[in-house]
Amino acid sequence: MKTLFCTASAVAALMLATPTIAAQQDQSTPNWGQSPPSAIFSSKRSKEVLAQQIMLAAAQHSPGVIDGYPGGNTRRALSAFQKAHGLDVTGNADEATMTKLREATSGALLVSYVISADDLSGGFTAPGSSMKAMAQEGNVGFASASEGLAERFGMSQGLLEALNPDSDFGEGSEILVVGAQPGSIGTVARVEIDGGANELRAFDEGGKLLASFPATVGSGEFPSPSGSMEVRAIAPEANYTFDPSEQNWGGDEMLVIPAGPNNPVGGIWIDLTKDGYGIHGTPEPGNIGKTSSHGCVRLTNWDAQRLAQAVSAGTVVEFL
């Protein structure tokens, strides 16, 4: 059986905008800013978990998709935050952890945002249902304004729509979104990928843990590589090339799918010095850390974009 490779090429740069947020004044409780509607917490979604997720993401320890639901990605992020801050590593939101999270978070957890014409530029079309359809139709952008806005603010589309049940997400609409956003990671000298923990860790030159992300790392059938390698190149807006001569799945036709958030690599590719392997985004951010990959390392698109801005050619990448 052939080893499966991921293949992508760069076409342009892509940057994320973040909202302007005010400094937090009171550290005794989470600074919500705008209170979330109580109706969204009628099921398993928890206000406490939502606060934890927003603060963890802002503190550079991503829970993946911010949705308010408890799960393994949130526990992983709590453990990483605790380790980075010298706390007992339990994966639980104990009092000491919550105090440190509140101290580390600048800005309100939820803020009002007015949708602009730029947010809606380019229109919205559902992507093709197969790689062949994507290649033929070229539709790999967002299917709706709510999908695009949710990704911009690092949240699930379901949470965005629950926070704004009466919005049509049209130009001029005022909506509630995640406010506290992570700043720059800083300069990353080494990346550590732990498949057993479904985690990617970023360190500075002195070995300080700067950030962590939930990751989908290979599978039993298509394992990721082992050992140490380096970042070779970065494609902040990448297309996806499927070459049947290098694959044992996906048909027998060469396909080139254009860049976009819903192509198979989420439109972002960090190329590694082992041919065909890379760190990339995904069209299905809710599955990160929960499903297998075809040998590469998947992050949410927004986490992959932030990592791409912090690494450079020559950054060491170690697979544990």
Protein backbone atom coordinates (compact mmCIF):
# COMPACT_ATOMS: atom_id res chain seq x y z
CA MET A 1 0.00 0.00 0.00
CA LYS A 2 1.31 3.43 -0.90
CA THR A 3 1.85 6.07 1.73
CA LEU A 4 -0.72 8.82 1.30
CA PHE A 5 0.58 12.32 0.72
CA CYS A 6 -1.18 15.67 0.90
CA THR A 7 -0.30 18.10 -1.90
CA ALA A 8 -0.93 21.83 -2.09
CA SER A 9 0.49 24.94 -3.75
CA ALA A 10 0.45 28.62 -2.82
CA VAL A 11 -1.26 31.43 -4.69
CA ALA A 12 -1.56 34.43 -2.29
CA ALA A 13 -1.61 35.64 1.30
CA LEU A 14 -4.59 35.48 3.64
CA MET A 15 -4.92 37.41 6.89
CA LEU A 16 -7.55 37.34 9.63
CA ALA A 17 -9.07 40.53 10.96
CA THR A 18 -9.87 40.76 14.66
CA PRO A 19 -12.31 43.09 16.38
CA THR A 20 -11.18 46.02 18.50
CA ILE A 21 -11.71 45.14 22.15
CA ALA A 22 -11.49 47.13 25.38
CA ALA A 23 -9.37 46.24 28.38
CA GLN A 24 -10.99 44.07 31.02
CA GLN A 25 -11.64 45.92 34.29
CA ASP A 26 -12.86 43.29 36.76
CA GLN A 27 -10.92 40.05 37.21
CA SER A 28 -13.27 38.51 39.80
CA THR A 29 -15.65 37.05 37.18
CA PRO A 30 -15.48 36.63 33.40
CA ASN A 31 -16.06 39.92 31.63
CA TRP A 32 -18.88 38.97 29.29
CA GLY A 33 -19.39 42.47 27.94
CA GLN A 34 -22.61 41.44 26.20
CA SER A 35 -24.62 38.78 28.01
CA PRO A 36 -25.39 35.69 25.91
CA PRO A 37 -29.10 34.83 25.60
CA SER A 38 -30.01 32.31 28.28
CA ALA A 39 -31.94 30.20 25.75
CA ILE A 40 -28.75 28.93 24.14
CA PHE A 41 -27.86 27.07 27.34
CA SER A 42 -31.01 24.95 27.43
CA SER A 43 -29.21 21.83 26.19
CA LYS A 44 -25.68 20.53 26.84
CA ARG A 45 -24.11 23.87 25.96
CA SER A 46 -22.78 25.54 29.12
CA LYS A 47 -22.13 29.19 29.88
CA GLU A 48 -19.15 28.14 32.01
CA VAL A 49 -17.62 26.08 29.20
CA LEU A 50 -18.23 28.87 26.68
CA ALA A 51 -16.33 31.29 28.94
CA GLN A 52 -13.50 28.79 29.36
CA GLN A 53 -13.20 28.24 25.60
CA ILE A 54 -13.12 31.95 24.75
CA MET A 55 -10.49 32.67 27.41
CA LEU A 56 -8.37 29.65 26.47
CA ALA A 57 -8.34 30.69 22.81
CA ALA A 58 -7.40 34.26 23.76
CA ALA A 59 -4.58 32.87 25.95
CA GLN A 60 -3.07 30.98 22.97
CA HIS A 61 -4.35 27.52 23.97
CA SER A 62 -7.00 26.82 21.38
CA PRO A 63 -10.01 24.63 22.17
CA GLY A 64 -10.60 24.38 18.42
CA VAL A 65 -14.13 25.48 17.61
CA ILE A 66 -15.67 27.68 20.30
CA ASP A 67 -19.15 26.24 20.75
CA GLY A 68 -19.89 26.07 24.49
CA TYR A 69 -19.99 22.27 24.55
CA PRO A 70 -17.67 20.33 26.89
CA GLY A 71 -15.29 17.82 25.35
CA GLY A 72 -11.78 16.55 24.85
CA ASN A 73 -10.47 19.58 22.98
CA THR A 74 -11.43 21.88 25.86
CA ARG A 75 -9.88 19.55 28.45
CA ARG A 76 -6.71 19.37 26.35
CA ALA A 77 -6.53 23.17 26.15
CA LEU A 78 -7.05 23.48 29.91
CA SER A 79 -4.20 21.02 30.53
CA ALA A 80 -1.89 22.92 28.16
CA PHE A 81 -2.75 26.25 29.81
CA GLN A 82 -2.13 24.77 33.25
CA LYS A 83 1.24 23.38 32.19
CA ALA A 84 2.29 26.68 30.61
CA HIS A 85 1.40 28.59 33.79
CA GLY A 86 2.85 26.22 36.37
CA LEU A 87 -0.52 25.00 37.67
CA ASP A 88 -1.54 21.47 38.58
CA VAL A 89 -2.27 19.75 35.27
CA THR A 90 -5.74 18.28 35.69
CA GLY A 91 -7.63 19.31 32.57
CA ASN A 92 -10.33 20.66 34.87
CA ALA A 93 -11.42 24.27 35.30
CA ASP A 94 -10.52 24.55 38.98
CA GLU A 95 -10.47 27.84 40.88
CA ALA A 96 -6.73 28.47 40.39
CA THR A 97 -7.02 27.86 36.65
CA MET A 98 -10.03 30.12 36.25
CA THR A 99 -8.32 32.89 38.21
CA LYS A 100 -5.27 32.69 35.97
CA LEU A 101 -7.45 32.57 32.84
CA ARG A 102 -9.32 35.70 33.89
CA GLU A 103 -6.03 37.47 34.58
CA ALA A 104 -4.71 36.46 31.16
CA THR A 105 -7.78 37.59 29.21
CA SER A 106 -8.00 41.13 27.89
CA GLY A 107 -11.34 42.30 26.61
CA ALA A 108 -14.96 41.27 26.79
CA LEU A 109 -15.86 37.70 25.94
CA LEU A 110 -18.75 38.73 23.69
CA VAL A 111 -19.07 41.97 21.72
CA SER A 112 -21.44 43.55 19.22
CA TYR A 113 -20.27 43.59 15.61
CA VAL A 114 -21.83 45.33 12.61
CA ILE A 115 -21.64 43.33 9.38
CA SER A 116 -19.98 45.31 6.59
CA ALA A 117 -20.06 45.03 2.82
CA ASP A 118 -16.54 43.55 2.96
CA ASP A 119 -17.85 40.68 5.09
CA LEU A 120 -20.24 39.79 2.28
CA SER A 121 -17.99 40.42 -0.72
CA GLY A 122 -17.62 37.63 -3.24
CA GLY A 123 -20.99 36.07 -2.48
CA PHE A 124 -21.69 32.63 -1.08
CA THR A 125 -22.10 29.32 -2.88
CA ALA A 126 -22.13 25.85 -1.38
CA PRO A 127 -18.97 23.94 -2.32
CA GLY A 128 -19.17 20.89 -4.54
CA SER A 129 -20.05 17.59 -2.91
CA SER A 130 -16.92 15.86 -4.26
CA MET A 131 -13.36 16.79 -5.13
CA LYS A 132 -14.20 16.47 -8.83
CA ALA A 133 -17.14 18.86 -8.46
CA MET A 134 -14.96 21.32 -6.55
CA ALA A 135 -12.31 21.19 -9.26
CA GLN A 136 -14.86 21.64 -12.06
CA GLU A 137 -17.04 24.29 -10.41
CA GLY A 138 -14.35 26.13 -8.43
CA ASN A 139 -16.71 26.71 -5.51
CA VAL A 140 -14.70 26.30 -2.31
CA GLY A 141 -15.59 29.53 -0.55
CA PHE A 142 -18.06 29.90 2.28
CA ALA A 143 -21.57 28.65 1.69
CA SER A 144 -23.16 31.44 3.75
CA ALA A 145 -22.40 34.67 5.53
CA SER A 146 -22.87 32.97 8.90
CA GLU A 147 -20.29 30.31 8.02
CA GLY A 148 -17.73 32.94 7.04
CA LEU A 149 -18.37 35.12 10.08
CA ALA A 150 -18.23 32.16 12.44
CA GLU A 151 -14.82 31.18 11.07
CA ARG A 152 -13.57 34.75 11.31
CA PHE A 153 -14.27 34.80 15.04
CA GLY A 154 -13.17 31.22 15.77
CA MET A 155 -16.61 29.94 16.69
CA SER A 156 -19.02 27.33 15.43
CA GLN A 157 -21.69 28.38 12.97
CA GLY A 158 -24.24 26.86 15.34
CA LEU A 159 -23.12 29.09 18.21
CA LEU A 160 -23.13 32.21 16.03
CA GLU A 161 -26.67 31.50 14.87
CA ALA A 162 -27.82 30.66 18.41
CA LEU A 163 -26.41 33.96 19.68
CA ASN A 164 -28.23 35.81 16.90
CA PRO A 165 -31.48 33.90 16.29
CA ASP A 166 -33.26 36.77 14.54
CA SER A 167 -30.41 37.95 12.31
CA ASP A 168 -30.38 37.58 8.53
CA PHE A 169 -26.60 38.25 8.60
CA GLY A 170 -27.03 40.98 6.02
CA GLU A 171 -25.04 44.19 5.60
CA GLY A 172 -25.58 46.57 8.51
CA SER A 173 -26.87 43.86 10.85
CA GLU A 174 -25.57 44.07 14.41
CA ILE A 175 -24.64 40.67 15.76
CA LEU A 176 -23.07 39.16 18.87
CA VAL A 177 -19.67 37.50 18.34
CA VAL A 178 -16.69 36.28 20.33
CA GLY A 179 -14.78 39.36 21.41
CA ALA A 180 -11.57 38.38 23.20
CA GLN A 181 -9.22 37.25 20.45
CA PRO A 182 -5.67 35.87 20.56
CA GLY A 183 -2.89 38.21 19.55
CA SER A 184 0.30 37.23 17.78
CA ILE A 185 1.84 33.97 18.94
CA GLY A 186 5.32 35.43 18.62
CA THR A 187 8.26 33.82 16.86
CA VAL A 188 8.05 30.04 16.96
CA ALA A 189 11.38 28.20 16.86
CA ARG A 190 10.09 24.66 17.31
CA VAL A 191 6.80 22.85 16.72
CA GLU A 192 6.01 19.62 18.53
CA ILE A 193 3.28 17.32 17.20
CA ASP A 194 1.91 14.74 19.61
CA GLY A 195 -0.37 12.31 17.79
CA GLY A 196 -1.28 10.47 20.98
CA ALA A 197 -2.59 13.67 22.53
CA ASN A 198 -4.03 15.12 19.29
CA GLU A 199 -2.03 18.24 20.02
CA LEU A 200 0.36 20.64 18.28
CA ARG A 201 2.60 22.73 20.55
CA ALA A 202 4.60 25.81 19.57
CA PHE A 203 7.75 26.83 21.49
CA ASP A 204 10.09 29.79 21.38
CA GLU A 205 13.87 29.54 21.11
CA GLY A 206 14.23 29.19 24.86
CA GLY A 207 11.78 26.30 25.05
CA LYS A 208 8.84 28.29 26.41
CA LEU A 209 5.43 26.97 25.38
CA LEU A 210 3.84 29.80 23.40
CA ALA A 211 0.68 28.17 22.09
CA SER A 212 -1.11 24.86 21.69
CA PHE A 213 -3.77 23.64 19.28
CA PRO A 214 -5.98 20.57 18.92
CA ALA A 215 -4.83 18.62 15.88
CA THR A 216 -5.85 15.68 13.77
CA VAL A 217 -2.64 13.72 13.26
CA GLY A 218 -2.60 10.88 10.71
CA SER A 219 -4.35 7.57 11.21
CA GLY A 220 -3.55 3.89 11.55
CA GLU A 221 -3.84 3.43 7.79
CA PHE A 222 -2.10 6.68 6.86
CA PRO A 223 0.31 7.51 9.69
CA SER A 224 2.08 10.83 9.93
CA PRO A 225 5.88 10.80 9.64
CA SER A 226 8.09 10.37 12.67
CA GLY A 227 11.19 12.20 13.81
CA SER A 228 12.39 15.73 13.18
CA MET A 229 12.06 17.86 10.05
CA GLU A 230 11.64 21.54 9.20
CA VAL A 231 9.18 23.95 7.65
CA ARG A 232 10.13 24.26 3.99
CA ALA A 233 7.64 26.85 2.77
CA ILE A 234 4.32 28.47 3.69
CA ALA A 235 1.30 28.85 1.40
CA PRO A 236 -1.14 31.15 3.25
CA GLU A 237 -3.69 30.60 0.48
CA ALA A 238 -3.20 27.17 -1.03
CA ASN A 239 -4.93 25.19 -3.72
CA TYR A 240 -5.14 21.39 -3.52
CA THR A 241 -3.73 19.07 -6.14
CA PHE A 242 -4.84 15.45 -6.24
CA ASP A 243 -2.44 13.23 -8.21
CA PRO A 244 -3.79 9.67 -8.58
CA SER A 245 -0.28 8.35 -9.30
CA GLU A 246 0.66 9.17 -5.69
CA GLN A 247 -2.57 8.03 -4.03
CA ASN A 248 -4.49 4.82 -3.47
CA TRP A 249 -7.82 6.55 -2.97
CA GLY A 250 -9.94 9.26 -4.62
CA GLY A 251 -10.21 8.04 -8.22
CA ASP A 252 -7.87 8.03 -11.19
CA GLU A 253 -8.17 11.62 -12.41
CA MET A 254 -5.75 14.49 -11.79
CA LEU A 255 -7.64 17.28 -10.00
CA VAL A 256 -6.68 20.83 -9.05
CA ILE A 257 -9.04 22.44 -6.55
CA PRO A 258 -8.63 26.22 -6.14
CA ALA A 259 -7.73 27.96 -2.92
CA GLY A 260 -10.52 28.58 -0.44
CA PRO A 261 -11.62 27.73 3.11
CA ASN A 262 -13.65 24.73 1.95
CA ASN A 263 -11.01 23.00 -0.15
CA PRO A 264 -9.49 19.82 1.34
CA VAL A 265 -6.66 21.70 3.10
CA GLY A 266 -8.80 24.64 4.20
CA GLY A 267 -6.88 26.97 1.93
CA ILE A 268 -3.69 27.03 4.04
CA TRP A 269 -0.58 24.86 3.83
CA ILE A 270 2.66 24.76 5.85
CA ASP A 271 4.98 22.59 3.80
CA LEU A 272 7.43 20.27 5.58
CA THR A 273 10.77 18.94 4.39
CA LYS A 274 9.38 15.42 4.03
CA ASP A 275 7.88 15.45 0.55
CA GLY A 276 4.11 15.59 0.46
CA TYR A 277 3.59 16.26 4.14
CA GLY A 278 2.38 19.44 5.76
CA ILE A 279 0.33 21.19 8.41
CA HIS A 280 -2.91 22.59 7.02
CA GLY A 281 -6.46 23.75 7.64
CA THR A 282 -9.74 21.94 7.10
CA PRO A 283 -13.23 22.52 5.68
CA GLU A 284 -14.66 20.76 8.77
CA PRO A 285 -13.26 22.50 11.86
CA GLY A 286 -15.65 20.72 14.20
CA ASN A 287 -13.88 17.42 13.47
CA ILE A 288 -10.40 18.52 14.53
CA GLY A 289 -8.94 16.18 17.13
CA LYS A 290 -11.84 13.76 16.65
CA THR A 291 -11.20 12.05 13.29
CA SER A 292 -8.21 10.74 11.36
CA SER A 293 -6.29 12.44 8.54
CA HIS A 294 -4.49 11.24 5.43
CA GLY A 295 -1.05 11.43 7.03
CA CYS A 296 -0.78 15.22 7.43
CA VAL A 297 -1.59 17.44 10.41
CA ARG A 298 -4.93 19.27 10.39
CA LEU A 299 -5.84 22.33 12.43
CA THR A 300 -8.84 24.63 12.24
CA ASN A 301 -8.30 27.20 9.49
CA TRP A 302 -7.90 30.05 11.97
CA ASP A 303 -5.36 28.12 14.05
CA ALA A 304 -3.42 27.13 10.91
CA GLN A 305 -3.38 30.74 9.74
CA ARG A 306 -2.05 31.98 13.07
CA LEU A 307 0.63 29.29 13.18
CA ALA A 308 1.66 30.11 9.61
CA GLN A 309 2.26 33.72 10.67
CA ALA A 310 4.53 32.56 13.52
CA VAL A 311 6.78 30.03 11.74
CA SER A 312 9.18 30.41 8.83
CA ALA A 313 11.35 28.28 6.60
CA GLY A 314 13.70 26.36 8.86
CA THR A 315 11.41 26.16 11.89
CA VAL A 316 11.94 22.73 13.46
CA VAL A 317 8.94 20.37 13.47
CA GLU A 318 9.15 17.26 15.65
CA PHE A 319 6.72 14.36 15.50
CA LEU A 320 6.55 12.47 18.81
